Structures are given as C-alpha cells and as structure tokens.
C-alpha cells in the first residue's frame, strides 16, 4: 500500500507547511519607500497562497524606507517560506521575525456603535475602563478610538457588541522591538532605487 500513488501523495501532503497550525508570528519588513512596493508584497502573498492575519505599512524614521508589519500564523517551515519569499522581492531591504524578540505591539481601532440616552453613560464607562476615547458623537451613535494589544481591542468589541456595532475599522498590528534591535544595521548601504533594480520575477518552484 505504501507504494500506491494515493498513499505517496498523502505522505507528501503531510509534509507541507501548514498555514493554519502553529503560533502567530509578527514579521517586520523594511522596504523601499517607493510606489508599488505594497502591491509587490501583497501580490507575493496572493500568488503563493499565503494567508495574512494582519498587515500595516507606514514610513520610518528614514524617509527612504517604510516598515511593513505582517502577522501570519503557521509552523516554523511555513514561516521560513514566507520570510524567504519576502526577501526575494527586490524592494524589500530586510525581514525579521520580531516574535522572537521582546517587542511592543499596538492595534488601533475606530468603532461606531448605536447609542441612546439610556445607555450613553454605560458606554462612556466602558470607554474609560478600556482607556479609549470618544472621538465623535451624533444623536444615535458614538465613535470610539481604542488602541492597545490585539486582545484588548477584541475584548472591547465583545463588550460593546450588545449595543449594536454600526461600523468598525482597524489598522492592524504594528510593532517595534524594545531597545536597540540587533538586526538593524545603521551603516547598511542605501537601498537600490526601484528604477535601477532588476525586474522582480515571481517563481513557482518550491523552496
């Protein structure tokens, strides 16, 4: 039975990296601050079938670089594949799994919920407990800003769900390593401009 094609196929499938098992990993990628970089990164994830739990991007202290924070869930082999594929993109300067470090993370959310004269005080008390703030008030709704770790944001959503959630927007997780990160190299050469770089090729071969 071990030599039958079906049995061999099942054996190979069992060795494939699993995107649905394992821990969540926070990847921090320094990329060139150029148009189209985010499309390159998201395109790689789509073409490879990788799942993204969260993605956030913004400029860094260096105006020529941006930082993309990606949260993925999977085992070590799956994570290694994601990291290597990111590093193949010419506009990506450096990728690091900061989940292995001591880091600070934040998730920012704006949430609009139904509010009536009868429950406004309850809602305001919840906002204070979660150290959020009310940023907009209308006759029948309030908009609230909450920031913190993902579990705090999720807990607030659960706490106000009974009032009726009208709209919700989240930035996704952003994170930085505490202190001076060892993987940063202040004297590293400036990234190659996009127009001078070789064209990116999306391969289909396995790592």
N, C-alpha and C. Protein backbone atom coordinates (compact mmCIF):
# COMPACT_ATOMS: atom_id res chain seq x y z
N UNK A 1 0.82 -1.21 0.00
CA UNK A 1 0.00 0.00 0.00
C UNK A 1 0.85 1.26 0.00
N UNK A 2 2.06 1.17 0.60
CA UNK A 2 2.90 2.36 0.71
C UNK A 2 3.37 2.84 -0.64
N UNK A 3 3.40 1.91 -1.66
CA UNK A 3 3.90 2.30 -2.97
C UNK A 3 2.80 2.79 -3.90
N UNK A 4 1.54 2.75 -3.46
CA UNK A 4 0.46 3.22 -4.32
C UNK A 4 0.52 4.73 -4.44
N UNK A 5 0.16 5.28 -5.63
CA UNK A 5 0.23 6.73 -5.84
C UNK A 5 -0.54 7.52 -4.80
N UNK A 6 -1.73 7.03 -4.45
CA UNK A 6 -2.54 7.77 -3.48
C UNK A 6 -1.87 7.87 -2.13
N UNK A 7 -1.24 6.75 -1.71
CA UNK A 7 -0.57 6.76 -0.41
C UNK A 7 0.63 7.69 -0.43
N UNK A 8 1.38 7.70 -1.54
CA UNK A 8 2.54 8.57 -1.65
C UNK A 8 2.12 10.03 -1.62
N UNK A 9 1.00 10.35 -2.30
CA UNK A 9 0.51 11.73 -2.33
C UNK A 9 0.13 12.20 -0.94
N UNK A 10 -0.54 11.33 -0.17
CA UNK A 10 -0.93 11.70 1.18
C UNK A 10 0.28 11.94 2.05
N UNK A 11 1.33 11.14 1.84
CA UNK A 11 2.55 11.30 2.62
C UNK A 11 3.20 12.65 2.34
N UNK A 12 3.22 13.04 1.05
CA UNK A 12 3.80 14.33 0.69
C UNK A 12 3.00 15.48 1.25
N UNK A 13 1.66 15.36 1.22
CA UNK A 13 0.83 16.42 1.74
C UNK A 13 1.07 16.63 3.23
N UNK A 14 1.35 15.55 3.93
CA UNK A 14 1.57 15.66 5.37
C UNK A 14 2.81 16.47 5.69
N UNK A 15 3.75 16.56 4.73
CA UNK A 15 5.00 17.28 4.96
C UNK A 15 4.90 18.75 4.61
N UNK A 16 3.82 19.16 3.95
CA UNK A 16 3.70 20.55 3.53
C UNK A 16 3.55 21.46 4.75
N UNK A 17 4.17 22.65 4.72
CA UNK A 17 3.99 23.60 5.82
C UNK A 17 2.53 23.96 5.99
N UNK A 18 2.08 24.04 7.22
CA UNK A 18 0.67 24.30 7.49
C UNK A 18 0.43 25.76 7.82
N UNK A 19 -0.41 26.48 7.05
CA UNK A 19 -0.72 27.87 7.36
C UNK A 19 -1.76 28.01 8.46
N UNK A 20 -2.41 26.91 8.85
CA UNK A 20 -3.48 27.02 9.82
C UNK A 20 -3.08 26.49 11.19
N UNK A 21 -1.86 25.97 11.30
CA UNK A 21 -1.39 25.46 12.58
C UNK A 21 -0.16 26.24 13.02
N UNK A 22 0.09 26.21 14.31
CA UNK A 22 1.26 26.90 14.83
C UNK A 22 0.91 28.24 15.44
N UNK A 23 1.94 28.96 15.83
CA UNK A 23 1.76 30.24 16.51
C UNK A 23 1.67 31.39 15.52
N UNK A 24 1.19 32.51 16.02
CA UNK A 24 1.21 33.72 15.21
C UNK A 24 2.60 34.32 15.25
N UNK A 25 3.06 34.79 14.11
CA UNK A 25 4.38 35.41 14.00
C UNK A 25 4.23 36.82 13.46
N UNK A 26 4.99 37.74 14.05
CA UNK A 26 4.98 39.13 13.61
C UNK A 26 6.26 39.38 12.82
N UNK A 27 6.12 39.62 11.53
CA UNK A 27 7.26 39.89 10.66
C UNK A 27 7.37 41.39 10.41
N UNK A 28 8.55 41.93 10.62
CA UNK A 28 8.81 43.34 10.35
C UNK A 28 9.72 43.43 9.13
N UNK A 29 9.23 44.07 8.08
CA UNK A 29 9.99 44.16 6.83
C UNK A 29 10.29 45.63 6.51
N UNK A 30 11.56 45.95 6.38
CA UNK A 30 11.96 47.27 5.89
C UNK A 30 11.97 47.22 4.37
N UNK A 31 11.26 48.15 3.75
CA UNK A 31 11.14 48.17 2.29
C UNK A 31 11.45 49.56 1.77
N UNK A 32 11.77 49.63 0.49
CA UNK A 32 11.99 50.92 -0.13
C UNK A 32 10.69 51.71 -0.17
N UNK A 33 10.78 52.97 0.18
CA UNK A 33 9.60 53.83 0.19
C UNK A 33 9.32 54.31 -1.23
N UNK A 34 8.78 53.40 -2.03
CA UNK A 34 8.54 53.66 -3.44
C UNK A 34 7.13 53.20 -3.81
N UNK A 35 6.51 53.82 -4.82
CA UNK A 35 5.19 53.36 -5.26
C UNK A 35 5.25 51.90 -5.73
N UNK A 36 4.24 51.14 -5.40
CA UNK A 36 4.14 49.77 -5.88
C UNK A 36 4.73 48.72 -4.97
N UNK A 37 5.42 49.13 -3.90
CA UNK A 37 6.05 48.14 -3.02
C UNK A 37 5.00 47.28 -2.32
N UNK A 38 3.96 47.91 -1.81
CA UNK A 38 2.91 47.15 -1.13
C UNK A 38 2.23 46.18 -2.09
N UNK A 39 2.07 46.59 -3.34
CA UNK A 39 1.48 45.70 -4.34
C UNK A 39 2.37 44.49 -4.58
N UNK A 40 3.70 44.70 -4.59
CA UNK A 40 4.63 43.58 -4.75
C UNK A 40 4.49 42.59 -3.61
N UNK A 41 4.43 43.12 -2.39
CA UNK A 41 4.36 42.25 -1.21
C UNK A 41 3.03 41.49 -1.17
N UNK A 42 1.93 42.22 -1.32
CA UNK A 42 0.62 41.56 -1.27
C UNK A 42 0.44 40.60 -2.44
N UNK A 43 1.03 40.95 -3.60
CA UNK A 43 0.97 40.06 -4.75
C UNK A 43 1.70 38.75 -4.51
N UNK A 44 2.84 38.83 -3.80
CA UNK A 44 3.57 37.61 -3.47
C UNK A 44 2.74 36.71 -2.58
N UNK A 45 2.09 37.30 -1.56
CA UNK A 45 1.25 36.51 -0.67
C UNK A 45 0.11 35.85 -1.45
N UNK A 46 -0.49 36.60 -2.36
CA UNK A 46 -1.62 36.06 -3.12
C UNK A 46 -1.17 34.95 -4.06
N UNK A 47 -0.05 35.16 -4.77
CA UNK A 47 0.41 34.17 -5.75
C UNK A 47 0.85 32.88 -5.09
N UNK A 48 1.35 32.97 -3.86
CA UNK A 48 1.81 31.78 -3.14
C UNK A 48 0.72 31.16 -2.27
N UNK A 49 -0.41 31.82 -2.17
CA UNK A 49 -1.49 31.29 -1.35
C UNK A 49 -1.27 31.45 0.14
N UNK A 50 -0.41 32.40 0.53
CA UNK A 50 -0.17 32.64 1.95
C UNK A 50 -1.30 33.48 2.53
N UNK A 51 -1.67 33.18 3.75
CA UNK A 51 -2.74 33.91 4.41
C UNK A 51 -2.16 34.97 5.34
N UNK A 52 -2.72 36.18 5.31
CA UNK A 52 -2.27 37.28 6.16
C UNK A 52 -3.32 37.53 7.22
N UNK A 53 -2.92 37.46 8.49
CA UNK A 53 -3.83 37.82 9.58
C UNK A 53 -3.96 39.33 9.69
N UNK A 54 -2.85 40.04 9.46
CA UNK A 54 -2.84 41.49 9.60
C UNK A 54 -1.68 42.05 8.81
N UNK A 55 -1.87 43.25 8.24
CA UNK A 55 -0.80 43.93 7.51
C UNK A 55 -0.94 45.43 7.71
N UNK A 56 0.15 46.07 8.10
CA UNK A 56 0.16 47.52 8.28
C UNK A 56 1.45 48.06 7.68
N UNK A 57 1.39 49.25 7.10
CA UNK A 57 2.56 49.84 6.46
C UNK A 57 2.61 51.33 6.75
N UNK A 58 3.82 51.85 6.92
CA UNK A 58 4.00 53.28 7.16
C UNK A 58 5.46 53.65 7.05
N UNK A 59 5.73 54.95 6.94
CA UNK A 59 7.10 55.43 6.83
C UNK A 59 7.85 55.22 8.15
N UNK A 60 9.17 55.14 8.05
CA UNK A 60 10.02 55.01 9.22
C UNK A 60 10.73 56.34 9.48
N UNK A 61 11.68 56.30 10.44
CA UNK A 61 12.48 57.49 10.72
C UNK A 61 13.39 57.86 9.55
N UNK A 62 13.62 56.89 8.65
CA UNK A 62 14.41 57.11 7.44
C UNK A 62 13.44 57.36 6.28
N UNK A 63 13.46 58.53 5.66
CA UNK A 63 12.45 58.84 4.63
C UNK A 63 12.51 57.95 3.40
N UNK A 64 13.61 57.22 3.19
CA UNK A 64 13.69 56.35 2.02
C UNK A 64 13.17 54.95 2.31
N UNK A 65 12.80 54.69 3.57
CA UNK A 65 12.34 53.36 3.95
C UNK A 65 10.94 53.41 4.57
N UNK A 66 10.18 52.37 4.34
CA UNK A 66 8.91 52.15 5.03
C UNK A 66 9.00 50.82 5.77
N UNK A 67 8.14 50.66 6.76
CA UNK A 67 8.10 49.41 7.51
C UNK A 67 6.75 48.74 7.30
N UNK A 68 6.79 47.50 6.86
CA UNK A 68 5.58 46.69 6.72
C UNK A 68 5.57 45.67 7.86
N UNK A 69 4.50 45.68 8.64
CA UNK A 69 4.34 44.71 9.71
C UNK A 69 3.28 43.71 9.29
N UNK A 70 3.69 42.45 9.19
CA UNK A 70 2.80 41.39 8.72
C UNK A 70 2.64 40.35 9.83
N UNK A 71 1.41 39.97 10.10
CA UNK A 71 1.14 38.91 11.07
C UNK A 71 0.65 37.69 10.31
N UNK A 72 1.37 36.58 10.46
CA UNK A 72 0.99 35.33 9.82
C UNK A 72 0.91 34.24 10.88
N UNK A 73 0.15 33.21 10.59
CA UNK A 73 0.00 32.09 11.51
C UNK A 73 0.43 30.81 10.82
N UNK A 74 1.32 30.06 11.45
CA UNK A 74 1.79 28.82 10.86
C UNK A 74 2.95 28.24 11.64
N UNK A 75 3.43 27.08 11.19
CA UNK A 75 4.56 26.46 11.85
C UNK A 75 5.86 27.08 11.35
N UNK A 76 6.99 26.55 11.84
CA UNK A 76 8.28 27.14 11.52
C UNK A 76 8.61 27.04 10.03
N UNK A 77 8.26 25.93 9.40
CA UNK A 77 8.55 25.76 7.96
C UNK A 77 7.74 26.75 7.13
N UNK A 78 6.48 26.93 7.52
CA UNK A 78 5.64 27.89 6.81
C UNK A 78 6.19 29.30 6.95
N UNK A 79 6.60 29.66 8.17
CA UNK A 79 7.17 30.98 8.42
C UNK A 79 8.44 31.19 7.60
N UNK A 80 9.28 30.17 7.53
CA UNK A 80 10.54 30.29 6.79
C UNK A 80 10.27 30.52 5.30
N UNK A 81 9.26 29.85 4.76
CA UNK A 81 8.91 30.07 3.36
C UNK A 81 8.45 31.51 3.12
N UNK A 82 7.60 32.02 4.01
CA UNK A 82 7.12 33.39 3.88
C UNK A 82 8.29 34.37 3.92
N UNK A 83 9.19 34.17 4.88
CA UNK A 83 10.33 35.08 5.03
C UNK A 83 11.23 35.06 3.79
N UNK A 84 11.53 33.88 3.28
CA UNK A 84 12.42 33.78 2.12
C UNK A 84 11.79 34.39 0.87
N UNK A 85 10.48 34.20 0.70
CA UNK A 85 9.82 34.79 -0.46
C UNK A 85 9.78 36.31 -0.36
N UNK A 86 9.61 36.84 0.84
CA UNK A 86 9.66 38.30 1.02
C UNK A 86 11.04 38.83 0.66
N UNK A 87 12.08 38.13 1.07
CA UNK A 87 13.45 38.59 0.83
C UNK A 87 13.81 38.55 -0.65
N UNK A 88 13.08 37.78 -1.46
CA UNK A 88 13.35 37.71 -2.89
C UNK A 88 12.85 38.95 -3.63
N UNK A 89 11.94 39.70 -3.02
CA UNK A 89 11.41 40.91 -3.67
C UNK A 89 12.47 41.99 -3.61
N UNK A 90 12.80 42.58 -4.74
CA UNK A 90 13.93 43.50 -4.82
C UNK A 90 13.73 44.77 -4.01
N UNK A 91 12.49 45.15 -3.77
CA UNK A 91 12.22 46.37 -3.00
C UNK A 91 12.22 46.13 -1.49
N UNK A 92 12.36 44.87 -1.08
CA UNK A 92 12.43 44.54 0.34
C UNK A 92 13.89 44.56 0.78
N UNK A 93 14.20 45.37 1.78
CA UNK A 93 15.57 45.53 2.25
C UNK A 93 15.93 44.49 3.31
N UNK A 94 15.01 44.25 4.25
CA UNK A 94 15.31 43.34 5.36
C UNK A 94 14.01 42.83 5.96
N UNK A 95 14.02 41.56 6.38
CA UNK A 95 12.86 40.94 7.01
C UNK A 95 13.31 40.29 8.32
N UNK A 96 12.52 40.49 9.37
CA UNK A 96 12.88 39.90 10.66
C UNK A 96 11.63 39.45 11.39
N UNK A 97 11.70 38.27 11.99
CA UNK A 97 10.60 37.76 12.82
C UNK A 97 10.79 38.30 14.23
N UNK A 98 10.09 39.40 14.54
CA UNK A 98 10.29 40.02 15.84
C UNK A 98 9.53 39.30 16.95
N UNK A 99 8.78 38.26 16.58
CA UNK A 99 8.11 37.47 17.61
C UNK A 99 9.13 36.81 18.54
N UNK A 100 10.35 36.65 18.06
CA UNK A 100 11.41 36.03 18.85
C UNK A 100 12.07 37.02 19.80
N UNK A 101 11.70 38.30 19.68
CA UNK A 101 12.31 39.35 20.48
C UNK A 101 11.32 39.87 21.53
N UNK A 102 11.83 40.73 22.41
CA UNK A 102 10.97 41.44 23.36
C UNK A 102 10.47 42.69 22.65
N UNK A 103 9.18 42.72 22.31
CA UNK A 103 8.68 43.80 21.48
C UNK A 103 7.39 44.39 22.04
N UNK A 104 7.07 45.58 21.56
CA UNK A 104 5.82 46.27 21.92
C UNK A 104 4.95 46.31 20.67
N UNK A 105 3.67 45.95 20.84
CA UNK A 105 2.75 45.97 19.70
C UNK A 105 1.51 46.77 20.04
N UNK A 106 0.91 47.34 19.02
CA UNK A 106 -0.32 48.10 19.18
C UNK A 106 -1.23 47.86 17.97
N UNK A 107 -2.53 47.93 18.25
CA UNK A 107 -3.56 47.83 17.21
C UNK A 107 -4.51 48.99 17.46
N UNK A 108 -4.77 49.80 16.45
CA UNK A 108 -5.66 50.96 16.58
C UNK A 108 -6.99 50.66 15.91
N UNK A 109 -8.08 51.01 16.60
CA UNK A 109 -9.41 50.76 16.06
C UNK A 109 -10.30 51.98 16.24
N UNK A 110 -11.09 52.27 15.22
CA UNK A 110 -12.22 53.19 15.32
C UNK A 110 -13.49 52.35 15.20
N UNK A 111 -14.40 52.52 16.15
CA UNK A 111 -15.63 51.74 16.14
C UNK A 111 -16.82 52.66 16.40
N UNK A 112 -17.85 52.49 15.61
CA UNK A 112 -19.07 53.29 15.75
C UNK A 112 -20.19 52.37 16.23
N UNK A 113 -20.80 52.72 17.35
CA UNK A 113 -21.85 51.88 17.92
C UNK A 113 -23.11 52.71 18.17
N UNK A 114 -24.24 52.02 18.21
CA UNK A 114 -25.51 52.69 18.50
C UNK A 114 -25.50 53.21 19.93
N UNK A 115 -26.08 54.38 20.11
CA UNK A 115 -26.13 54.97 21.45
C UNK A 115 -27.46 55.67 21.64
N UNK A 116 -28.05 55.47 22.79
CA UNK A 116 -29.31 56.12 23.16
C UNK A 116 -29.09 56.87 24.47
N UNK A 117 -29.98 57.79 24.81
CA UNK A 117 -29.84 58.48 26.10
C UNK A 117 -29.78 57.51 27.28
N UNK A 118 -30.39 56.35 27.13
CA UNK A 118 -30.43 55.39 28.23
C UNK A 118 -29.11 54.65 28.44
N UNK A 119 -28.32 54.47 27.36
CA UNK A 119 -27.10 53.67 27.51
C UNK A 119 -25.80 54.45 27.31
N UNK A 120 -25.89 55.75 27.08
CA UNK A 120 -24.67 56.53 26.83
C UNK A 120 -23.71 56.49 28.02
N UNK A 121 -24.23 56.54 29.23
CA UNK A 121 -23.36 56.51 30.40
C UNK A 121 -22.66 55.16 30.53
N UNK A 122 -23.37 54.09 30.22
CA UNK A 122 -22.75 52.76 30.25
C UNK A 122 -21.61 52.67 29.24
N UNK A 123 -21.86 53.18 28.04
CA UNK A 123 -20.84 53.15 27.00
C UNK A 123 -19.63 53.99 27.42
N UNK A 124 -19.89 55.15 27.98
CA UNK A 124 -18.80 56.02 28.42
C UNK A 124 -17.96 55.35 29.51
N UNK A 125 -18.60 54.62 30.40
CA UNK A 125 -17.88 53.90 31.45
C UNK A 125 -16.98 52.82 30.86
N UNK A 126 -17.49 52.10 29.86
CA UNK A 126 -16.68 51.07 29.20
C UNK A 126 -15.47 51.69 28.51
N UNK A 127 -15.68 52.83 27.86
CA UNK A 127 -14.57 53.51 27.18
C UNK A 127 -13.48 53.88 28.18
N UNK A 128 -13.88 54.36 29.35
CA UNK A 128 -12.91 54.73 30.38
C UNK A 128 -12.16 53.51 30.91
N UNK A 129 -12.88 52.41 31.10
CA UNK A 129 -12.25 51.18 31.60
C UNK A 129 -11.18 50.69 30.63
N UNK A 130 -11.47 50.79 29.33
CA UNK A 130 -10.52 50.32 28.32
C UNK A 130 -9.54 51.40 27.88
N UNK A 131 -9.58 52.55 28.56
CA UNK A 131 -8.67 53.66 28.28
C UNK A 131 -8.75 54.10 26.82
N UNK A 132 -9.97 54.14 26.32
CA UNK A 132 -10.19 54.66 24.98
C UNK A 132 -10.69 56.09 25.06
N UNK A 133 -11.19 56.60 23.95
CA UNK A 133 -11.77 57.94 23.97
C UNK A 133 -12.84 58.05 22.91
N UNK A 134 -13.85 58.83 23.22
CA UNK A 134 -14.93 59.10 22.28
C UNK A 134 -14.49 60.24 21.37
N UNK A 135 -14.49 60.00 20.07
CA UNK A 135 -13.98 60.99 19.12
C UNK A 135 -15.09 61.65 18.31
N UNK A 136 -16.31 61.10 18.38
CA UNK A 136 -17.42 61.73 17.65
C UNK A 136 -18.73 61.28 18.29
N UNK A 137 -19.68 62.22 18.36
CA UNK A 137 -20.98 61.94 18.94
C UNK A 137 -22.06 62.44 18.00
N UNK A 138 -23.07 61.61 17.77
CA UNK A 138 -24.24 62.00 16.99
C UNK A 138 -25.49 61.62 17.79
N UNK A 139 -26.67 62.05 17.36
CA UNK A 139 -27.87 61.77 18.16
C UNK A 139 -28.11 60.29 18.44
N UNK A 140 -27.68 59.40 17.54
CA UNK A 140 -27.98 57.99 17.74
C UNK A 140 -26.75 57.08 17.67
N UNK A 141 -25.54 57.66 17.76
CA UNK A 141 -24.33 56.83 17.68
C UNK A 141 -23.15 57.57 18.30
N UNK A 142 -22.14 56.80 18.68
CA UNK A 142 -20.86 57.37 19.14
C UNK A 142 -19.74 56.64 18.42
N UNK A 143 -18.66 57.37 18.14
CA UNK A 143 -17.47 56.78 17.55
C UNK A 143 -16.37 56.78 18.60
N UNK A 144 -15.72 55.63 18.76
CA UNK A 144 -14.75 55.44 19.83
C UNK A 144 -13.41 55.00 19.25
N UNK A 145 -12.35 55.53 19.82
CA UNK A 145 -10.99 55.14 19.45
C UNK A 145 -10.40 54.28 20.56
N UNK A 146 -9.90 53.10 20.18
CA UNK A 146 -9.27 52.19 21.12
C UNK A 146 -7.93 51.75 20.54
N UNK A 147 -6.89 51.77 21.36
CA UNK A 147 -5.60 51.26 20.92
C UNK A 147 -5.01 50.39 22.01
N UNK A 148 -4.19 49.44 21.61
CA UNK A 148 -3.57 48.54 22.56
C UNK A 148 -3.25 47.21 21.91
N UNK A 149 -2.98 46.21 22.72
CA UNK A 149 -2.72 44.89 22.18
C UNK A 149 -4.00 44.32 21.58
N UNK A 150 -3.80 43.36 20.70
CA UNK A 150 -4.93 42.80 19.95
C UNK A 150 -6.02 42.27 20.88
N UNK A 151 -5.63 41.60 21.96
CA UNK A 151 -6.63 41.02 22.86
C UNK A 151 -7.47 42.09 23.55
N UNK A 152 -6.88 43.26 23.80
CA UNK A 152 -7.63 44.36 24.40
C UNK A 152 -8.68 44.88 23.42
N UNK A 153 -8.29 45.05 22.16
CA UNK A 153 -9.22 45.53 21.14
C UNK A 153 -10.36 44.53 20.95
N UNK A 154 -10.01 43.25 20.90
CA UNK A 154 -11.03 42.21 20.73
C UNK A 154 -11.98 42.19 21.93
N UNK A 155 -11.44 42.38 23.13
CA UNK A 155 -12.28 42.38 24.33
C UNK A 155 -13.27 43.55 24.32
N UNK A 156 -12.83 44.71 23.83
CA UNK A 156 -13.74 45.85 23.77
C UNK A 156 -14.85 45.60 22.76
N UNK A 157 -14.51 45.00 21.63
CA UNK A 157 -15.53 44.67 20.63
C UNK A 157 -16.60 43.77 21.25
N UNK A 158 -16.16 42.76 21.99
CA UNK A 158 -17.12 41.86 22.64
C UNK A 158 -17.97 42.60 23.67
N UNK A 159 -17.36 43.57 24.37
CA UNK A 159 -18.07 44.28 25.44
C UNK A 159 -19.18 45.19 24.90
N UNK A 160 -18.99 45.74 23.69
CA UNK A 160 -19.98 46.69 23.16
C UNK A 160 -20.88 46.06 22.09
N UNK A 161 -20.68 44.80 21.82
CA UNK A 161 -21.46 44.16 20.75
C UNK A 161 -22.96 44.23 21.02
N UNK A 162 -23.35 44.13 22.28
CA UNK A 162 -24.78 44.12 22.62
C UNK A 162 -25.46 45.45 22.29
N UNK A 163 -24.70 46.54 22.20
CA UNK A 163 -25.30 47.83 21.88
C UNK A 163 -25.58 47.98 20.39
N UNK A 164 -24.87 47.20 19.57
CA UNK A 164 -25.04 47.27 18.13
C UNK A 164 -23.88 48.00 17.47
N UNK A 165 -23.03 47.25 16.78
CA UNK A 165 -21.88 47.84 16.08
C UNK A 165 -22.32 48.26 14.69
N UNK A 166 -22.16 49.55 14.39
CA UNK A 166 -22.55 50.08 13.08
C UNK A 166 -21.41 49.98 12.06
N UNK A 167 -20.22 50.38 12.47
CA UNK A 167 -19.05 50.32 11.60
C UNK A 167 -17.81 50.10 12.44
N UNK A 168 -16.78 49.54 11.80
CA UNK A 168 -15.54 49.25 12.51
C UNK A 168 -14.38 49.29 11.52
N UNK A 169 -13.29 49.92 11.93
CA UNK A 169 -12.08 49.95 11.10
C UNK A 169 -10.86 49.77 12.00
N UNK A 170 -9.91 48.94 11.54
CA UNK A 170 -8.70 48.68 12.32
C UNK A 170 -7.47 48.84 11.45
N UNK A 171 -6.39 49.29 12.07
CA UNK A 171 -5.15 49.49 11.33
C UNK A 171 -4.40 48.19 11.12
N UNK A 172 -4.64 47.20 11.97
CA UNK A 172 -3.77 46.03 12.00
C UNK A 172 -2.65 46.27 13.00
N UNK A 173 -1.94 45.23 13.33
CA UNK A 173 -0.91 45.32 14.36
C UNK A 173 0.36 45.98 13.83
N UNK A 174 0.91 46.90 14.63
CA UNK A 174 2.23 47.44 14.37
C UNK A 174 3.10 47.10 15.58
N UNK A 175 4.39 46.96 15.37
CA UNK A 175 5.25 46.51 16.46
C UNK A 175 6.67 46.98 16.26
N UNK A 176 7.36 47.20 17.37
CA UNK A 176 8.78 47.53 17.38
C UNK A 176 9.46 46.76 18.51
N UNK A 177 10.70 46.35 18.27
CA UNK A 177 11.48 45.66 19.28
C UNK A 177 11.94 46.67 20.33
N UNK A 178 11.91 46.27 21.60
CA UNK A 178 12.37 47.15 22.67
C UNK A 178 13.88 47.38 22.56
N UNK A 179 14.33 48.56 22.99
CA UNK A 179 15.76 48.87 22.97
C UNK A 179 16.28 49.03 21.56
N UNK A 180 17.57 48.74 21.37
CA UNK A 180 18.20 48.82 20.05
C UNK A 180 18.18 47.44 19.44
N UNK A 181 17.38 47.22 18.39
CA UNK A 181 17.28 45.88 17.80
C UNK A 181 18.60 45.44 17.18
N UNK A 182 18.98 44.19 17.42
CA UNK A 182 20.26 43.68 16.92
C UNK A 182 20.26 43.50 15.41
N UNK A 183 19.06 43.35 14.82
CA UNK A 183 19.03 43.08 13.39
C UNK A 183 19.11 44.34 12.55
N UNK A 184 19.03 45.54 13.18
CA UNK A 184 19.19 46.77 12.43
C UNK A 184 20.66 47.07 12.25
N UNK A 185 21.03 47.53 11.07
CA UNK A 185 22.41 47.87 10.76
C UNK A 185 22.46 49.32 10.32
N UNK A 186 22.82 50.25 11.22
CA UNK A 186 22.81 51.67 10.89
C UNK A 186 23.70 52.03 9.71
N UNK A 187 24.79 51.26 9.51
CA UNK A 187 25.73 51.60 8.45
C UNK A 187 25.46 50.86 7.16
N UNK A 188 24.31 50.21 7.06
CA UNK A 188 23.99 49.46 5.85
C UNK A 188 23.85 50.42 4.67
N UNK A 189 24.26 50.01 3.46
CA UNK A 189 24.16 50.89 2.29
C UNK A 189 22.72 51.23 1.97
N UNK A 190 22.53 52.37 1.33
CA UNK A 190 21.19 52.81 0.95
C UNK A 190 20.59 51.82 -0.03
N UNK A 191 19.27 51.60 0.01
CA UNK A 191 18.64 50.65 -0.90
C UNK A 191 18.74 51.11 -2.34
N UNK A 192 18.79 50.14 -3.25
CA UNK A 192 18.86 50.44 -4.67
C UNK A 192 17.55 51.04 -5.14
N UNK A 193 17.56 52.18 -5.85
CA UNK A 193 16.31 52.74 -6.36
C UNK A 193 15.58 51.74 -7.24
N UNK A 194 14.26 51.82 -7.23
CA UNK A 194 13.46 50.86 -7.98
C UNK A 194 13.77 50.88 -9.46
N UNK A 195 14.02 52.09 -10.01
CA UNK A 195 14.24 52.17 -11.45
C UNK A 195 15.55 51.53 -11.88
N UNK A 196 16.51 51.36 -10.93
CA UNK A 196 17.79 50.75 -11.28
C UNK A 196 17.85 49.27 -10.93
N UNK A 197 16.81 48.78 -10.27
CA UNK A 197 16.83 47.39 -9.83
C UNK A 197 16.37 46.47 -10.95
N UNK A 198 16.78 45.21 -10.85
CA UNK A 198 16.35 44.23 -11.82
C UNK A 198 14.87 43.95 -11.62
N UNK A 199 14.14 43.61 -12.68
CA UNK A 199 12.71 43.34 -12.53
C UNK A 199 12.47 42.14 -11.64
N UNK A 200 11.39 42.21 -10.85
CA UNK A 200 11.05 41.13 -9.94
C UNK A 200 10.39 40.00 -10.70
N UNK A 201 10.78 38.78 -10.38
CA UNK A 201 10.22 37.61 -11.03
C UNK A 201 9.55 36.76 -9.97
N UNK A 202 8.29 36.44 -10.16
CA UNK A 202 7.57 35.55 -9.25
C UNK A 202 7.75 34.13 -9.75
N UNK A 203 8.57 33.36 -9.08
CA UNK A 203 8.79 31.98 -9.49
C UNK A 203 7.73 31.07 -8.93
N UNK A 204 7.66 29.86 -9.46
CA UNK A 204 6.67 28.90 -8.99
C UNK A 204 7.34 27.65 -8.44
N UNK A 205 8.67 27.65 -8.35
CA UNK A 205 9.36 26.48 -7.82
C UNK A 205 9.29 26.47 -6.31
N UNK A 206 9.38 25.28 -5.74
CA UNK A 206 9.36 25.15 -4.29
C UNK A 206 10.71 25.55 -3.73
N UNK A 207 10.71 26.00 -2.47
CA UNK A 207 11.96 26.38 -1.82
C UNK A 207 12.78 25.14 -1.52
